N, C-alpha and C. Protein backbone atom coordinates (compact mmCIF):
# COMPACT_ATOMS: atom_id res chain seq x y z
N VAL A 1 6.46 -11.63 1.54
CA VAL A 1 7.19 -12.80 2.01
C VAL A 1 7.89 -13.25 1.51
N GLY A 2 7.58 -13.02 -0.32
CA GLY A 2 8.50 -13.66 -1.30
C GLY A 2 9.87 -12.76 -1.43
N ALA A 3 9.74 -11.01 -1.10
CA ALA A 3 10.90 -10.49 -0.98
C ALA A 3 11.88 -10.69 -0.08
N ILE A 4 11.66 -11.66 1.52
CA ILE A 4 12.18 -11.36 2.31
C ILE A 4 12.78 -12.76 2.46
N LEU A 5 11.84 -13.92 1.18
CA LEU A 5 12.72 -15.07 1.32
C LEU A 5 13.39 -15.14 -0.09
N THR A 6 13.87 -14.10 -0.91
CA THR A 6 14.73 -14.12 -1.54
C THR A 6 15.89 -14.17 -0.71
N GLY A 7 16.16 -13.62 0.18
CA GLY A 7 17.52 -13.98 1.19
C GLY A 7 17.67 -15.25 0.99
N VAL A 8 16.80 -15.75 1.43
CA VAL A 8 16.83 -17.40 1.85
C VAL A 8 17.39 -18.34 0.71
N PHE A 9 17.00 -18.47 -0.59
CA PHE A 9 16.93 -18.80 -1.15
C PHE A 9 18.33 -18.43 -2.36
N CYS A 10 18.58 -17.61 -1.95
CA CYS A 10 19.58 -17.29 -2.85
C CYS A 10 20.91 -17.92 -2.58
N VAL A 11 21.12 -18.49 -1.22
CA VAL A 11 22.01 -19.30 -1.03
C VAL A 11 22.84 -20.64 -2.19
N PRO A 12 23.67 -20.62 -2.31
CA PRO A 12 24.17 -21.93 -3.26
C PRO A 12 23.26 -23.18 -2.83
N GLU A 13 23.69 -23.41 -1.28
CA GLU A 13 23.40 -24.70 -0.77
C GLU A 13 21.52 -24.89 -1.08
N LEU A 14 21.13 -23.59 -1.60
CA LEU A 14 19.44 -23.93 -1.79
C LEU A 14 19.41 -23.69 -2.87
N GLY A 15 20.50 -23.54 -4.45
CA GLY A 15 20.00 -23.71 -5.78
C GLY A 15 20.12 -22.00 -6.13
N GLY A 16 20.51 -21.25 -4.95
CA GLY A 16 20.68 -19.54 -5.68
C GLY A 16 22.45 -19.86 -6.22
N TYR A 17 22.06 -18.42 -6.38
CA TYR A 17 23.61 -17.95 -7.54
C TYR A 17 24.28 -17.23 -6.99
N VAL A 18 24.58 -16.87 -5.59
CA VAL A 18 25.13 -15.44 -5.11
C VAL A 18 26.17 -15.82 -4.16
N GLU A 19 27.07 -15.71 -5.09
CA GLU A 19 28.76 -15.65 -4.27
C GLU A 19 29.13 -15.41 -2.77
N GLY A 20 29.58 -15.39 -1.84
CA GLY A 20 29.98 -14.80 -0.74
C GLY A 20 28.66 -14.00 0.48
N ARG A 21 27.71 -14.95 0.09
CA ARG A 21 26.79 -14.09 1.12
C ARG A 21 26.30 -14.76 2.13
N GLU A 22 26.14 -15.06 3.20
CA GLU A 22 25.01 -15.80 4.16
C GLU A 22 23.32 -15.24 4.54
N ILE A 23 22.86 -16.80 5.01
CA ILE A 23 21.33 -16.18 4.88
C ILE A 23 21.29 -15.30 5.67
N ILE A 24 21.41 -15.29 7.04
CA ILE A 24 20.99 -14.53 7.74
C ILE A 24 21.22 -12.96 7.41
N PRO A 25 22.59 -12.25 7.20
CA PRO A 25 22.64 -11.06 6.84
C PRO A 25 22.41 -10.92 5.50
N GLN A 26 21.57 -11.77 4.43
CA GLN A 26 21.04 -11.54 3.20
C GLN A 26 19.78 -11.58 3.41
N VAL A 27 19.16 -12.33 4.45
CA VAL A 27 17.34 -12.26 5.16
C VAL A 27 17.15 -10.64 5.67
N TRP A 28 18.70 -10.45 6.15
CA TRP A 28 18.59 -9.03 7.74
C TRP A 28 18.05 -7.62 6.20
N ALA A 29 19.09 -7.84 4.92
CA ALA A 29 19.02 -6.96 3.93
C ALA A 29 17.77 -7.17 3.11
N GLN A 30 17.11 -8.29 3.27
CA GLN A 30 15.79 -8.19 2.59
C GLN A 30 14.81 -7.74 3.23
N LEU A 31 15.12 -7.68 4.81
CA LEU A 31 13.47 -7.76 5.64
C LEU A 31 13.86 -6.13 5.84
N LYS A 32 15.18 -5.33 5.74
CA LYS A 32 15.05 -4.09 5.84
C LYS A 32 14.81 -3.68 4.45
N SER A 33 14.74 -3.55 3.74
CA SER A 33 14.59 -3.20 2.38
C SER A 33 12.88 -3.22 2.20
N VAL A 34 12.28 -4.11 2.96
CA VAL A 34 10.50 -4.79 2.67
C VAL A 34 9.98 -3.78 3.95
N LEU A 35 10.44 -3.30 4.99
CA LEU A 35 10.32 -2.38 6.13
C LEU A 35 10.33 -0.85 5.11
N PHE A 36 11.04 -0.96 4.87
CA PHE A 36 11.83 0.65 4.50
C PHE A 36 10.43 0.99 3.10
N THR A 37 10.48 -0.17 2.20
CA THR A 37 9.20 0.00 1.00
C THR A 37 8.11 0.32 1.86
N PHE A 38 7.47 -0.57 3.08
CA PHE A 38 6.27 -0.32 3.54
C PHE A 38 6.15 1.28 4.39
N VAL A 39 6.71 1.47 4.88
CA VAL A 39 7.18 3.23 5.64
C VAL A 39 6.76 4.31 4.00
N TYR A 40 7.83 4.05 3.44
CA TYR A 40 7.83 4.92 2.30
C TYR A 40 6.34 4.98 1.53
N CYS A 41 5.68 4.02 1.27
CA CYS A 41 4.12 3.94 0.72
C CYS A 41 3.58 4.61 1.92
N PHE A 42 3.39 3.89 3.01
CA PHE A 42 2.96 4.98 3.88
C PHE A 42 3.10 6.45 3.96
N ALA A 43 3.85 6.55 3.88
CA ALA A 43 4.25 8.22 3.91
C ALA A 43 3.84 8.92 2.85
N VAL A 44 4.16 8.42 1.44
CA VAL A 44 3.49 9.06 0.60
C VAL A 44 2.39 9.27 0.17
N SER A 45 1.82 7.69 0.52
CA SER A 45 0.37 7.70 0.38
C SER A 45 -0.57 8.43 1.14
N TRP A 46 -0.14 9.03 2.74
CA TRP A 46 -0.29 9.54 3.87
C TRP A 46 -0.46 11.70 3.18
N VAL A 47 0.30 11.52 2.16
CA VAL A 47 1.14 12.89 2.20
C VAL A 47 -0.31 13.56 1.05
N LEU A 48 -0.34 12.13 0.03
CA LEU A 48 -1.15 12.87 -1.09
C LEU A 48 -2.74 12.60 -0.48
N LEU A 49 -3.31 11.65 0.31
CA LEU A 49 -4.23 11.60 1.20
C LEU A 49 -4.41 13.29 1.08
N LYS A 50 -3.22 13.70 2.13
CA LYS A 50 -3.63 14.88 2.94
C LYS A 50 -3.53 16.22 1.61
N LEU A 51 -3.04 15.67 1.09
CA LEU A 51 -3.44 17.08 -0.23
C LEU A 51 -4.41 17.31 -1.02
N VAL A 52 -4.90 16.15 -1.31
CA VAL A 52 -6.03 15.69 -2.04
C VAL A 52 -7.11 16.44 -1.11
N ASP A 53 -7.13 16.14 0.38
CA ASP A 53 -8.27 16.37 1.30
C ASP A 53 -8.39 17.84 1.55
N LYS A 54 -7.17 18.45 0.93
CA LYS A 54 -7.22 20.25 1.54
C LYS A 54 -7.51 20.72 -0.05
N LEU A 55 -7.21 19.60 -1.63
CA LEU A 55 -7.56 20.72 -2.52
C LEU A 55 -8.96 20.53 -2.78
N VAL A 56 -9.33 18.92 -2.40
CA VAL A 56 -11.11 18.47 -2.90
C VAL A 56 -11.82 18.41 -2.17
N GLY A 57 -11.13 18.00 -1.04
CA GLY A 57 -11.86 17.33 0.04
C GLY A 57 -12.26 15.87 -0.48
N LEU A 58 -12.27 15.11 0.77
CA LEU A 58 -12.42 13.47 0.43
C LEU A 58 -14.18 12.95 0.59
N ARG A 59 -14.55 14.15 1.41
CA ARG A 59 -16.05 13.55 2.31
C ARG A 59 -17.32 14.30 1.37
N VAL A 60 -18.67 13.94 0.79
CA VAL A 60 -19.19 14.74 0.56
C VAL A 60 -19.96 15.31 1.85
N ASP A 61 -21.11 16.60 2.17
CA ASP A 61 -21.39 16.76 2.94
C ASP A 61 -22.59 16.01 3.35
N GLU A 62 -23.25 16.40 5.29
CA GLU A 62 -23.97 15.19 5.71
C GLU A 62 -25.13 15.30 4.66
N GLN A 63 -25.90 16.25 4.25
CA GLN A 63 -27.09 16.17 3.38
C GLN A 63 -26.87 15.02 1.77
N ALA A 64 -25.99 15.47 1.57
CA ALA A 64 -25.84 14.31 0.59
C ALA A 64 -25.27 13.23 0.93
N GLU A 65 -24.88 12.75 1.96
CA GLU A 65 -24.39 11.00 2.67
C GLU A 65 -26.30 11.06 3.35
N ASP A 66 -27.23 11.71 3.85
CA ASP A 66 -28.30 11.42 3.63
C ASP A 66 -29.47 11.02 2.65
N ILE A 67 -29.17 12.08 1.52
CA ILE A 67 -30.25 11.86 0.22
C ILE A 67 -29.32 10.25 -0.23
N GLY A 68 -28.08 10.25 -0.15
CA GLY A 68 -27.88 9.55 -1.20
C GLY A 68 -26.60 9.70 -1.99
N LEU A 69 -25.59 9.34 -2.70
CA LEU A 69 -24.68 9.85 -3.60
C LEU A 69 -24.96 9.61 -4.79
N ASP A 70 -25.96 8.69 -5.41
CA ASP A 70 -26.65 8.51 -6.58
C ASP A 70 -27.47 9.67 -6.86
N LEU A 71 -28.53 10.03 -5.99
CA LEU A 71 -29.26 11.34 -5.92
C LEU A 71 -28.26 12.78 -5.73
N ALA A 72 -27.42 12.58 -5.10
CA ALA A 72 -27.12 13.77 -4.93
C ALA A 72 -25.79 14.13 -6.04
N GLU A 73 -25.38 13.47 -6.56
CA GLU A 73 -24.47 13.35 -7.56
C GLU A 73 -24.53 13.66 -8.65
N HIS A 74 -25.62 12.65 -9.49
CA HIS A 74 -25.76 12.34 -10.47
C HIS A 74 -27.58 12.65 -10.41
N ASN A 75 -28.49 12.85 -9.97
CA ASN A 75 -29.44 12.83 -9.91
C ASN A 75 -30.09 11.93 -10.54
N GLU A 76 -30.09 10.99 -9.55
CA GLU A 76 -30.90 9.58 -10.21
C GLU A 76 -30.64 8.51 -9.09
N THR A 77 -31.15 7.28 -8.93
CA THR A 77 -31.47 6.66 -7.90
C THR A 77 -31.25 5.37 -8.65
N ALA A 78 -30.15 4.76 -7.90
CA ALA A 78 -30.18 3.40 -8.54
C ALA A 78 -30.97 2.14 -7.39
N TYR A 79 -31.24 2.25 -6.28
CA TYR A 79 -32.22 1.34 -5.97
C TYR A 79 -33.62 2.59 -4.77
N ASN A 80 -34.54 1.47 -4.97
CA ASN A 80 -35.67 2.10 -4.44
C ASN A 80 -36.15 1.42 -2.89
N HIS A 81 -35.34 1.57 -1.70
CA HIS A 81 -36.00 0.66 -0.90
C HIS A 81 -35.37 1.56 0.39
């Protein structure tokens, strides 16, 4: 929200200091930048997640889930209930 509103508050009428810019084109530029950032972060995160899944896996096997990860990974129990 702050990145988009930078386009609003940059105009001199509202105390900003950007000459020759109107509110609508600047807000549109800010909005496009924010959308690009979201898409880029999603894409890079998805690629890294798939890479990690292929290299080491993201889930433990079903048996480890059933007995609990404390016992499966560390051979200790944290809670006895």
